[in-house]
């Protein structure tokens, strides 16, 4: 038995800044559409004990859109439904980090 309520908790940045802001924002890069897709696909895949949540600013704005998955604390940058599918199937189902999308701690 796990001592975690969720096996995986995914925080997807949905922060929005004004147009032209120097740091940019995940919202202007399609984060909401991709988060919505991720939620639907996670349900379709029947991922048990996985929660996909909206997050405010995760402070990696220039790299966005970004997400972080806990409990391991893996950060991803993604651009497409195909990227979301890879994160869901490889990471959340298969337990393997998607290296091509992974953000380094110092990025």
PDB file of N, CA and C in Angstrom:
ATOM      1  N   UNK A   1       0.836  -1.190   0.000  1.00  0.00           N
ATOM      2  CA  UNK A   1       0.000   0.000   0.000  1.00  0.00           C
ATOM      3  C   UNK A   1       0.879   1.253   0.000  1.00  0.00           C
ATOM      4  N   UNK A   2       0.534   2.191  -0.827  1.00  0.00           N
ATOM      5  CA  UNK A   2       1.296   3.434  -0.946  1.00  0.00           C
ATOM      6  C   UNK A   2       0.869   4.429   0.129  1.00  0.00           C
ATOM      7  N   UNK A   3       1.804   5.263   0.546  1.00  0.00           N
ATOM      8  CA  UNK A   3       1.451   6.320   1.491  1.00  0.00           C
ATOM      9  C   UNK A   3       1.128   7.622   0.756  1.00  0.00           C
ATOM     10  N   UNK A   4       0.966   7.551  -0.568  1.00  0.00           N
ATOM     11  CA  UNK A   4       0.600   8.708  -1.383  1.00  0.00           C
ATOM     12  C   UNK A   4      -0.854   8.565  -1.821  1.00  0.00           C
ATOM     13  N   UNK A   5      -1.566   9.674  -1.815  1.00  0.00           N
ATOM     14  CA  UNK A   5      -2.945   9.654  -2.283  1.00  0.00           C
ATOM     15  C   UNK A   5      -2.994   9.396  -3.787  1.00  0.00           C
ATOM     16  N   UNK A   6      -2.030  10.004  -4.515  1.00  0.00           N
ATOM     17  CA  UNK A   6      -1.907   9.772  -5.954  1.00  0.00           C
ATOM     18  C   UNK A   6      -0.570   9.104  -6.232  1.00  0.00           C
ATOM     19  N   UNK A   7      -0.556   8.238  -7.224  1.00  0.00           N
ATOM     20  CA  UNK A   7       0.706   7.670  -7.693  1.00  0.00           C
ATOM     21  C   UNK A   7       1.512   8.725  -8.423  1.00  0.00           C
ATOM     22  N   UNK A   8       0.813   9.543  -9.192  1.00  0.00           N
ATOM     23  CA  UNK A   8       1.459  10.619  -9.949  1.00  0.00           C
ATOM     24  C   UNK A   8       0.572  11.856  -9.867  1.00  0.00           C
ATOM     25  N   UNK A   9       1.226  12.991  -9.683  1.00  0.00           N
ATOM     26  CA  UNK A   9       0.526  14.258  -9.637  1.00  0.00           C
ATOM     27  C   UNK A   9       1.213  15.174 -10.653  1.00  0.00           C
ATOM     28  N   UNK A  10       0.468  15.564 -11.670  1.00  0.00           N
ATOM     29  CA  UNK A  10       1.009  16.358 -12.772  1.00  0.00           C
ATOM     30  C   UNK A  10       0.505  17.794 -12.628  1.00  0.00           C
ATOM     31  N   UNK A  11       1.444  18.732 -12.552  1.00  0.00           N
ATOM     32  CA  UNK A  11       1.105  20.148 -12.477  1.00  0.00           C
ATOM     33  C   UNK A  11       1.454  20.786 -13.819  1.00  0.00           C
ATOM     34  N   UNK A  12       0.432  21.301 -14.497  1.00  0.00           N
ATOM     35  CA  UNK A  12       0.583  21.868 -15.830  1.00  0.00           C
ATOM     36  C   UNK A  12       0.407  23.378 -15.740  1.00  0.00           C
ATOM     37  N   UNK A  13       1.461  24.118 -16.056  1.00  0.00           N
ATOM     38  CA  UNK A  13       1.411  25.581 -15.963  1.00  0.00           C
ATOM     39  C   UNK A  13       0.365  26.141 -16.911  1.00  0.00           C
ATOM     40  N   UNK A  14      -0.446  27.052 -16.368  1.00  0.00           N
ATOM     41  CA  UNK A  14      -1.468  27.750 -17.149  1.00  0.00           C
ATOM     42  C   UNK A  14      -1.337  29.257 -16.981  1.00  0.00           C
ATOM     43  N   UNK A  15      -0.175  29.696 -16.519  1.00  0.00           N
ATOM     44  CA  UNK A  15       0.022  31.113 -16.242  1.00  0.00           C
ATOM     45  C   UNK A  15      -0.143  31.954 -17.503  1.00  0.00           C
ATOM     46  N   UNK A  16      -0.739  33.123 -17.321  1.00  0.00           N
ATOM     47  CA  UNK A  16      -0.938  34.048 -18.436  1.00  0.00           C
ATOM     48  C   UNK A  16      -0.386  35.412 -18.071  1.00  0.00           C
ATOM     49  N   UNK A  17       0.419  35.945 -18.958  1.00  0.00           N
ATOM     50  CA  UNK A  17       0.963  37.298 -18.819  1.00  0.00           C
ATOM     51  C   UNK A  17       0.461  38.139 -19.994  1.00  0.00           C
ATOM     52  N   UNK A  18       0.581  39.455 -19.875  1.00  0.00           N
ATOM     53  CA  UNK A  18       0.156  40.317 -20.980  1.00  0.00           C
ATOM     54  C   UNK A  18       0.951  40.018 -22.261  1.00  0.00           C
ATOM     55  N   UNK A  19       0.321  40.230 -23.398  1.00  0.00           N
ATOM     56  CA  UNK A  19       1.010  40.066 -24.682  1.00  0.00           C
ATOM     57  C   UNK A  19       2.272  40.901 -24.702  1.00  0.00           C
ATOM     58  N   UNK A  20       3.337  40.340 -25.220  1.00  0.00           N
ATOM     59  CA  UNK A  20       4.591  41.054 -25.352  1.00  0.00           C
ATOM     60  C   UNK A  20       5.451  41.053 -24.102  1.00  0.00           C
ATOM     61  N   UNK A  21       5.010  40.377 -23.052  1.00  0.00           N
ATOM     62  CA  UNK A  21       5.819  40.330 -21.826  1.00  0.00           C
ATOM     63  C   UNK A  21       7.166  39.684 -22.133  1.00  0.00           C
ATOM     64  N   UNK A  22       8.227  40.233 -21.567  1.00  0.00           N
ATOM     65  CA  UNK A  22       9.588  39.767 -21.868  1.00  0.00           C
ATOM     66  C   UNK A  22       9.824  38.295 -21.552  1.00  0.00           C
ATOM     67  N   UNK A  23       9.141  37.738 -20.575  1.00  0.00           N
ATOM     68  CA  UNK A  23       9.345  36.332 -20.213  1.00  0.00           C
ATOM     69  C   UNK A  23       8.404  35.398 -20.950  1.00  0.00           C
ATOM     70  N   UNK A  24       7.362  35.939 -21.568  1.00  0.00           N
ATOM     71  CA  UNK A  24       6.385  35.087 -22.212  1.00  0.00           C
ATOM     72  C   UNK A  24       5.550  34.365 -21.170  1.00  0.00           C
ATOM     73  N   UNK A  25       4.742  33.415 -21.620  1.00  0.00           N
ATOM     74  CA  UNK A  25       3.944  32.621 -20.690  1.00  0.00           C
ATOM     75  C   UNK A  25       3.486  31.342 -21.370  1.00  0.00           C
ATOM     76  N   UNK A  26       3.194  30.358 -20.560  1.00  0.00           N
ATOM     77  CA  UNK A  26       2.755  29.067 -21.084  1.00  0.00           C
ATOM     78  C   UNK A  26       1.407  29.182 -21.789  1.00  0.00           C
ATOM     79  N   UNK A  27       0.527  30.009 -21.245  1.00  0.00           N
ATOM     80  CA  UNK A  27      -0.803  30.176 -21.804  1.00  0.00           C
ATOM     81  C   UNK A  27      -0.761  30.579 -23.279  1.00  0.00           C
ATOM     82  N   UNK A  28       0.126  31.501 -23.619  1.00  0.00           N
ATOM     83  CA  UNK A  28       0.189  31.976 -25.006  1.00  0.00           C
ATOM     84  C   UNK A  28       0.808  30.952 -25.951  1.00  0.00           C
ATOM     85  N   UNK A  29       1.342  29.876 -25.384  1.00  0.00           N
ATOM     86  CA  UNK A  29       1.981  28.832 -26.199  1.00  0.00           C
ATOM     87  C   UNK A  29       1.138  27.561 -26.277  1.00  0.00           C
ATOM     88  N   UNK A  30      -0.157  27.690 -25.999  1.00  0.00           N
ATOM     89  CA  UNK A  30      -1.069  26.568 -26.176  1.00  0.00           C
ATOM     90  C   UNK A  30      -1.236  25.651 -24.981  1.00  0.00           C
ATOM     91  N   UNK A  31      -0.866  26.105 -23.802  1.00  0.00           N
ATOM     92  CA  UNK A  31      -0.896  25.240 -22.624  1.00  0.00           C
ATOM     93  C   UNK A  31      -2.293  24.729 -22.273  1.00  0.00           C
ATOM     94  N   UNK A  32      -3.309  25.558 -22.405  1.00  0.00           N
ATOM     95  CA  UNK A  32      -4.653  25.123 -22.008  1.00  0.00           C
ATOM     96  C   UNK A  32      -5.175  24.028 -22.920  1.00  0.00           C
ATOM     97  N   UNK A  33      -5.038  24.226 -24.215  1.00  0.00           N
ATOM     98  CA  UNK A  33      -5.494  23.209 -25.171  1.00  0.00           C
ATOM     99  C   UNK A  33      -4.786  21.876 -24.909  1.00  0.00           C
ATOM    100  N   UNK A  34      -3.483  21.921 -24.663  1.00  0.00           N
ATOM    101  CA  UNK A  34      -2.722  20.693 -24.438  1.00  0.00           C
ATOM    102  C   UNK A  34      -3.028  20.077 -23.077  1.00  0.00           C
ATOM    103  N   UNK A  35      -3.282  20.895 -22.059  1.00  0.00           N
ATOM    104  CA  UNK A  35      -3.688  20.360 -20.757  1.00  0.00           C
ATOM    105  C   UNK A  35      -5.032  19.649 -20.865  1.00  0.00           C
ATOM    106  N   UNK A  36      -5.962  20.269 -21.581  1.00  0.00           N
ATOM    107  CA  UNK A  36      -7.270  19.644 -21.763  1.00  0.00           C
ATOM    108  C   UNK A  36      -7.141  18.311 -22.494  1.00  0.00           C
ATOM    109  N   UNK A  37      -6.311  18.276 -23.506  1.00  0.00           N
ATOM    110  CA  UNK A  37      -6.063  17.030 -24.231  1.00  0.00           C
ATOM    111  C   UNK A  37      -5.466  15.980 -23.296  1.00  0.00           C
ATOM    112  N   UNK A  38      -4.521  16.393 -22.459  1.00  0.00           N
ATOM    113  CA  UNK A  38      -3.875  15.462 -21.534  1.00  0.00           C
ATOM    114  C   UNK A  38      -4.884  14.854 -20.565  1.00  0.00           C
ATOM    115  N   UNK A  39      -5.792  15.661 -20.063  1.00  0.00           N
ATOM    116  CA  UNK A  39      -6.802  15.157 -19.136  1.00  0.00           C
ATOM    117  C   UNK A  39      -7.698  14.117 -19.809  1.00  0.00           C
ATOM    118  N   UNK A  40      -8.118  14.393 -21.032  1.00  0.00           N
ATOM    119  CA  UNK A  40      -8.969  13.457 -21.767  1.00  0.00           C
ATOM    120  C   UNK A  40      -8.220  12.151 -22.039  1.00  0.00           C
ATOM    121  N   UNK A  41      -6.988  12.270 -22.524  1.00  0.00           N
ATOM    122  CA  UNK A  41      -6.196  11.066 -22.845  1.00  0.00           C
ATOM    123  C   UNK A  41      -5.883  10.243 -21.599  1.00  0.00           C
ATOM    124  N   UNK A  42      -5.611  10.896 -20.481  1.00  0.00           N
ATOM    125  CA  UNK A  42      -5.342  10.173 -19.233  1.00  0.00           C
ATOM    126  C   UNK A  42      -6.555   9.339 -18.828  1.00  0.00           C
ATOM    127  N   UNK A  43      -7.740   9.912 -18.984  1.00  0.00           N
ATOM    128  CA  UNK A  43      -8.963   9.154 -18.684  1.00  0.00           C
ATOM    129  C   UNK A  43      -9.131   8.000 -19.654  1.00  0.00           C
ATOM    130  N   UNK A  44      -8.880   8.255 -20.938  1.00  0.00           N
ATOM    131  CA  UNK A  44      -8.995   7.188 -21.938  1.00  0.00           C
ATOM    132  C   UNK A  44      -8.037   6.042 -21.645  1.00  0.00           C
ATOM    133  N   UNK A  45      -6.848   6.384 -21.168  1.00  0.00           N
ATOM    134  CA  UNK A  45      -5.857   5.358 -20.841  1.00  0.00           C
ATOM    135  C   UNK A  45      -6.138   4.684 -19.502  1.00  0.00           C
ATOM    136  N   UNK A  46      -7.076   5.228 -18.747  1.00  0.00           N
ATOM    137  CA  UNK A  46      -7.430   4.647 -17.459  1.00  0.00           C
ATOM    138  C   UNK A  46      -6.303   4.699 -16.444  1.00  0.00           C
ATOM    139  N   UNK A  47      -5.556   5.800 -16.454  1.00  0.00           N
ATOM    140  CA  UNK A  47      -4.434   5.914 -15.525  1.00  0.00           C
ATOM    141  C   UNK A  47      -4.936   5.959 -14.087  1.00  0.00           C
ATOM    142  N   UNK A  48      -4.607   4.953 -13.311  1.00  0.00           N
ATOM    143  CA  UNK A  48      -5.085   4.920 -11.928  1.00  0.00           C
ATOM    144  C   UNK A  48      -4.275   5.859 -11.045  1.00  0.00           C
ATOM    145  N   UNK A  49      -4.952   6.461 -10.102  1.00  0.00           N
ATOM    146  CA  UNK A  49      -4.298   7.285  -9.098  1.00  0.00           C
ATOM    147  C   UNK A  49      -3.378   8.353  -9.693  1.00  0.00           C
ATOM    148  N   UNK A  50      -3.811   8.929 -10.817  1.00  0.00           N
ATOM    149  CA  UNK A  50      -3.063  10.003 -11.463  1.00  0.00           C
ATOM    150  C   UNK A  50      -3.950  11.237 -11.497  1.00  0.00           C
ATOM    151  N   UNK A  51      -3.391  12.344 -11.071  1.00  0.00           N
ATOM    152  CA  UNK A  51      -4.130  13.606 -11.059  1.00  0.00           C
ATOM    153  C   UNK A  51      -3.402  14.620 -11.924  1.00  0.00           C
ATOM    154  N   UNK A  52      -4.140  15.232 -12.852  1.00  0.00           N
ATOM    155  CA  UNK A  52      -3.581  16.278 -13.706  1.00  0.00           C
ATOM    156  C   UNK A  52      -4.217  17.594 -13.275  1.00  0.00           C
ATOM    157  N   UNK A  53      -3.387  18.500 -12.775  1.00  0.00           N
ATOM    158  CA  UNK A  53      -3.860  19.757 -12.218  1.00  0.00           C
ATOM    159  C   UNK A  53      -3.333  20.965 -12.969  1.00  0.00           C
ATOM    160  N   UNK A  54      -4.145  21.998 -12.979  1.00  0.00           N
ATOM    161  CA  UNK A  54      -3.720  23.308 -13.442  1.00  0.00           C
ATOM    162  C   UNK A  54      -2.809  23.914 -12.383  1.00  0.00           C
ATOM    163  N   UNK A  55      -1.733  24.514 -12.826  1.00  0.00           N
ATOM    164  CA  UNK A  55      -0.830  25.209 -11.907  1.00  0.00           C
ATOM    165  C   UNK A  55      -0.700  26.658 -12.352  1.00  0.00           C
ATOM    166  N   UNK A  56      -0.433  27.511 -11.403  1.00  0.00           N
ATOM    167  CA  UNK A  56      -0.057  28.877 -11.710  1.00  0.00           C
ATOM    168  C   UNK A  56       1.371  28.865 -12.226  1.00  0.00           C
ATOM    169  N   UNK A  57       2.014  29.977 -12.193  1.00  0.00           N
ATOM    170  CA  UNK A  57       3.358  30.093 -12.740  1.00  0.00           C
ATOM    171  C   UNK A  57       4.331  29.124 -12.077  1.00  0.00           C
ATOM    172  N   UNK A  58       5.026  28.360 -12.895  1.00  0.00           N
ATOM    173  CA  UNK A  58       6.061  27.441 -12.416  1.00  0.00           C
ATOM    174  C   UNK A  58       7.451  28.048 -12.596  1.00  0.00           C
ATOM    175  N   UNK A  59       7.506  29.297 -13.031  1.00  0.00           N
ATOM    176  CA  UNK A  59       8.719  30.108 -13.124  1.00  0.00           C
ATOM    177  C   UNK A  59       9.760  29.590 -14.119  1.00  0.00           C
ATOM    178  N   UNK A  60       9.277  28.983 -15.189  1.00  0.00           N
ATOM    179  CA  UNK A  60      10.170  28.589 -16.278  1.00  0.00           C
ATOM    180  C   UNK A  60       9.540  29.078 -17.585  1.00  0.00           C
ATOM    181  N   UNK A  61       9.043  30.285 -17.508  1.00  0.00           N
ATOM    182  CA  UNK A  61       8.201  30.895 -18.537  1.00  0.00           C
ATOM    183  C   UNK A  61       8.822  30.870 -19.934  1.00  0.00           C
ATOM    184  N   UNK A  62      10.097  31.178 -20.009  1.00  0.00           N
ATOM    185  CA  UNK A  62      10.765  31.262 -21.311  1.00  0.00           C
ATOM    186  C   UNK A  62      10.825  29.910 -22.013  1.00  0.00           C
ATOM    187  N   UNK A  63      10.680  28.834 -21.250  1.00  0.00           N
ATOM    188  CA  UNK A  63      10.808  27.485 -21.798  1.00  0.00           C
ATOM    189  C   UNK A  63       9.467  26.868 -22.145  1.00  0.00           C
ATOM    190  N   UNK A  64       8.373  27.499 -21.778  1.00  0.00           N
ATOM    191  CA  UNK A  64       7.043  26.924 -21.804  1.00  0.00           C
ATOM    192  C   UNK A  64       6.521  26.525 -23.156  1.00  0.00           C
ATOM    193  N   UNK A  65       5.445  25.758 -23.116  1.00  0.00           N
ATOM    194  CA  UNK A  65       4.726  25.347 -21.933  1.00  0.00           C
ATOM    195  C   UNK A  65       5.472  24.244 -21.168  1.00  0.00           C
ATOM    196  N   UNK A  66       5.300  24.274 -19.842  1.00  0.00           N
ATOM    197  CA  UNK A  66       5.996  23.315 -18.987  1.00  0.00           C
ATOM    198  C   UNK A  66       5.034  22.639 -18.025  1.00  0.00           C
ATOM    199  N   UNK A  67       5.485  21.482 -17.517  1.00  0.00           N
ATOM    200  CA  UNK A  67       4.782  20.746 -16.478  1.00  0.00           C
ATOM    201  C   UNK A  67       5.813  20.071 -15.597  1.00  0.00           C
ATOM    202  N   UNK A  68       5.380  19.677 -14.413  1.00  0.00           N
ATOM    203  CA  UNK A  68       6.227  18.902 -13.517  1.00  0.00           C
ATOM    204  C   UNK A  68       5.396  17.746 -12.969  1.00  0.00           C
ATOM    205  N   UNK A  69       6.018  16.586 -12.899  1.00  0.00           N
ATOM    206  CA  UNK A  69       5.337  15.383 -12.416  1.00  0.00           C
ATOM    207  C   UNK A  69       5.972  14.946 -11.106  1.00  0.00           C
ATOM    208  N   UNK A  70       5.129  14.798 -10.089  1.00  0.00           N
ATOM    209  CA  UNK A  70       5.566  14.315  -8.778  1.00  0.00           C
ATOM    210  C   UNK A  70       4.964  12.952  -8.521  1.00  0.00           C
ATOM    211  N   UNK A  71       5.643  12.087  -7.758  1.00  0.00           N
ATOM    212  CA  UNK A  71       6.578  12.451  -6.716  1.00  0.00           C
ATOM    213  C   UNK A  71       8.036  12.585  -7.161  1.00  0.00           C
ATOM    214  N   UNK A  72       8.376  12.192  -8.383  1.00  0.00           N
ATOM    215  CA  UNK A  72       9.797  12.220  -8.751  1.00  0.00           C
ATOM    216  C   UNK A  72      10.326  13.600  -9.111  1.00  0.00           C
ATOM    217  N   UNK A  73       9.437  14.542  -9.432  1.00  0.00           N
ATOM    218  CA  UNK A  73       9.873  15.900  -9.740  1.00  0.00           C
ATOM    219  C   UNK A  73      10.489  16.040 -11.121  1.00  0.00           C
ATOM    220  N   UNK A  74       9.953  15.326 -12.089  1.00  0.00           N
ATOM    221  CA  UNK A  74      10.446  15.408 -13.467  1.00  0.00           C
ATOM    222  C   UNK A  74       9.743  16.556 -14.184  1.00  0.00           C
ATOM    223  N   UNK A  75      10.548  17.435 -14.782  1.00  0.00           N
ATOM    224  CA  UNK A  75      10.048  18.598 -15.519  1.00  0.00           C
ATOM    225  C   UNK A  75      10.078  18.312 -17.010  1.00  0.00           C
ATOM    226  N   UNK A  76       9.004  18.750 -17.695  1.00  0.00           N
ATOM    227  CA  UNK A  76       8.920  18.593 -19.140  1.00  0.00           C
ATOM    228  C   UNK A  76       8.519  19.902 -19.801  1.00  0.00           C
ATOM    229  N   UNK A  77       9.011  20.059 -21.026  1.00  0.00           N
ATOM    230  CA  UNK A  77       8.538  21.077 -21.959  1.00  0.00           C
ATOM    231  C   UNK A  77       7.904  20.308 -23.112  1.00  0.00           C
ATOM    232  N   UNK A  78       6.769  20.768 -23.588  1.00  0.00           N
ATOM    233  CA  UNK A  78       6.033  20.049 -24.627  1.00  0.00           C
ATOM    234  C   UNK A  78       5.426  21.053 -25.599  1.00  0.00           C
ATOM    235  N   UNK A  79       5.147  20.589 -26.808  1.00  0.00           N
ATOM    236  CA  UNK A  79       4.590  21.468 -27.838  1.00  0.00           C
ATOM    237  C   UNK A  79       3.352  20.924 -28.529  1.00  0.00           C
ATOM    238  N   UNK A  80       3.111  19.628 -28.403  1.00  0.00           N
ATOM    239  CA  UNK A  80       2.097  19.015 -29.250  1.00  0.00           C
ATOM    240  C   UNK A  80       1.370  17.878 -28.535  1.00  0.00           C
ATOM    241  N   UNK A  81       0.302  17.426 -29.168  1.00  0.00           N
ATOM    242  CA  UNK A  81      -0.429  16.267 -28.663  1.00  0.00           C
ATOM    243  C   UNK A  81       0.466  15.032 -28.662  1.00  0.00           C
ATOM    244  N   UNK A  82       1.354  14.943 -29.637  1.00  0.00           N
ATOM    245  CA  UNK A  82       2.284  13.810 -29.687  1.00  0.00           C
ATOM    246  C   UNK A  82       3.221  13.829 -28.477  1.00  0.00           C
ATOM    247  N   UNK A  83       3.663  15.016 -28.078  1.00  0.00           N
ATOM    248  CA  UNK A  83       4.494  15.132 -26.873  1.00  0.00           C
ATOM    249  C   UNK A  83       3.707  14.690 -25.639  1.00  0.00           C
ATOM    250  N   UNK A  84       2.462  15.124 -25.543  1.00  0.00           N
ATOM    251  CA  UNK A  84       1.612  14.731 -24.411  1.00  0.00           C
ATOM    252  C   UNK A  84       1.431  13.212 -24.400  1.00  0.00           C
ATOM    253  N   UNK A  85       1.180  12.626 -25.559  1.00  0.00           N
ATOM    254  CA  UNK A  85       1.024  11.164 -25.639  1.00  0.00           C
ATOM    255  C   UNK A  85       2.282  10.450 -25.151  1.00  0.00           C
ATOM    256  N   UNK A  86       3.449  10.964 -25.520  1.00  0.00           N
ATOM    257  CA  UNK A  86       4.703  10.351 -25.086  1.00  0.00           C
ATOM    258  C   UNK A  86       4.855  10.429 -23.573  1.00  0.00           C
ATOM    259  N   UNK A  87       4.513  11.566 -22.995  1.00  0.00           N
ATOM    260  CA  UNK A  87       4.611  11.728 -21.542  1.00  0.00           C
ATOM    261  C   UNK A  87       3.648  10.768 -20.845  1.00  0.00           C
ATOM    262  N   UNK A  88       2.433  10.678 -21.359  1.00  0.00           N
ATOM    263  CA  UNK A  88       1.453   9.775 -20.754  1.00  0.00           C
ATOM    264  C   UNK A  88       1.860   8.316 -20.857  1.00  0.00           C
ATOM    265  N   UNK A  89       2.205   7.886 -22.064  1.00  0.00           N
ATOM    266  CA  UNK A  89       2.486   6.461 -22.256  1.00  0.00           C
ATOM    267  C   UNK A  89       3.859   6.047 -21.753  1.00  0.00           C
ATOM    268  N   UNK A  90       4.873   6.836 -22.039  1.00  0.00           N
ATOM    269  CA  UNK A  90       6.228   6.464 -21.624  1.00  0.00           C
ATOM    270  C   UNK A  90       6.456   6.701 -20.134  1.00  0.00           C
ATOM    271  N   UNK A  91       6.103   7.882 -19.665  1.00  0.00           N
ATOM    272  CA  UNK A  91       6.387   8.233 -18.271  1.00  0.00           C
ATOM    273  C   UNK A  91       5.331   7.682 -17.312  1.00  0.00           C
ATOM    274  N   UNK A  92       4.079   8.081 -17.518  1.00  0.00           N
ATOM    275  CA  UNK A  92       3.053   7.729 -16.539  1.00  0.00           C
ATOM    276  C   UNK A  92       2.615   6.270 -16.613  1.00  0.00           C
ATOM    277  N   UNK A  93       2.614   5.678 -17.784  1.00  0.00           N
ATOM    278  CA  UNK A  93       2.264   4.262 -17.899  1.00  0.00           C
ATOM    279  C   UNK A  93       3.521   3.398 -17.772  1.00  0.00           C
ATOM    280  N   UNK A  94       4.559   3.749 -18.538  1.00  0.00           N
ATOM    281  CA  UNK A  94       5.749   2.906 -18.610  1.00  0.00           C
ATOM    282  C   UNK A  94       6.838   3.176 -17.584  1.00  0.00           C
ATOM    283  N   UNK A  95       6.753   4.306 -16.884  1.00  0.00           N
ATOM    284  CA  UNK A  95       7.747   4.612 -15.866  1.00  0.00           C
ATOM    285  C   UNK A  95       9.093   5.080 -16.392  1.00  0.00           C
ATOM    286  N   UNK A  96       9.142   5.495 -17.665  1.00  0.00           N
ATOM    287  CA  UNK A  96      10.397   5.941 -18.283  1.00  0.00           C
ATOM    288  C   UNK A  96      10.333   7.425 -18.609  1.00  0.00           C
ATOM    289  N   UNK A  97      11.362   8.150 -18.221  1.00  0.00           N
ATOM    290  CA  UNK A  97      11.442   9.580 -18.527  1.00  0.00           C
ATOM    291  C   UNK A  97      11.559   9.764 -20.040  1.00  0.00           C
ATOM    292  N   UNK A  98      10.853  10.738 -20.568  1.00  0.00           N
ATOM    293  CA  UNK A  98      10.923  11.069 -21.997  1.00  0.00           C
ATOM    294  C   UNK A  98      12.056  12.090 -22.134  1.00  0.00           C
ATOM    295  N   UNK A  99      13.243  11.601 -22.390  1.00  0.00           N
ATOM    296  CA  UNK A  99      14.446  12.444 -22.366  1.00  0.00           C
ATOM    297  C   UNK A  99      14.393  13.602 -23.345  1.00  0.00           C
ATOM    298  N   UNK A 100      13.802  13.413 -24.508  1.00  0.00           N
ATOM    299  CA  UNK A 100      13.779  14.487 -25.508  1.00  0.00           C
ATOM    300  C   UNK A 100      12.939  15.681 -25.056  1.00  0.00           C
ATOM    301  N   UNK A 101      12.057  15.487 -24.069  1.00  0.00           N
ATOM    302  CA  UNK A 101      11.191  16.558 -23.575  1.00  0.00           C
ATOM    303  C   UNK A 101      11.573  17.028 -22.180  1.00  0.00           C
ATOM    304  N   UNK A 102      12.457  16.299 -21.537  1.00  0.00           N
ATOM    305  CA  UNK A 102      12.833  16.588 -20.152  1.00  0.00           C
ATOM    306  C   UNK A 102      13.627  17.885 -20.052  1.00  0.00           C
ATOM    307  N   UNK A 103      13.298  18.680 -19.034  1.00  0.00           N
ATOM    308  CA  UNK A 103      14.037  19.900 -18.743  1.00  0.00           C
ATOM    309  C   UNK A 103      15.082  19.596 -17.668  1.00  0.00           C
ATOM    310  N   UNK A 104      16.271  20.082 -17.886  1.00  0.00           N
ATOM    311  CA  UNK A 104      17.318  19.953 -16.866  1.00  0.00           C
ATOM    312  C   UNK A 104      17.016  20.933 -15.732  1.00  0.00           C
ATOM    313  N   UNK A 105      17.479  20.623 -14.556  1.00  0.00           N
ATOM    314  CA  UNK A 105      17.245  21.474 -13.389  1.00  0.00           C
ATOM    315  C   UNK A 105      17.777  22.872 -13.623  1.00  0.00           C
ATOM    316  N   UNK A 106      18.901  23.005 -14.320  1.00  0.00           N
ATOM    317  CA  UNK A 106      19.528  24.316 -14.512  1.00  0.00           C
ATOM    318  C   UNK A 106      19.013  25.074 -15.723  1.00  0.00           C
ATOM    319  N   UNK A 107      18.008  24.573 -16.407  1.00  0.00           N
ATOM    320  CA  UNK A 107      17.445  25.289 -17.559  1.00  0.00           C
ATOM    321  C   UNK A 107      16.514  26.366 -17.097  1.00  0.00           C
TER     322      UNK A 107
END
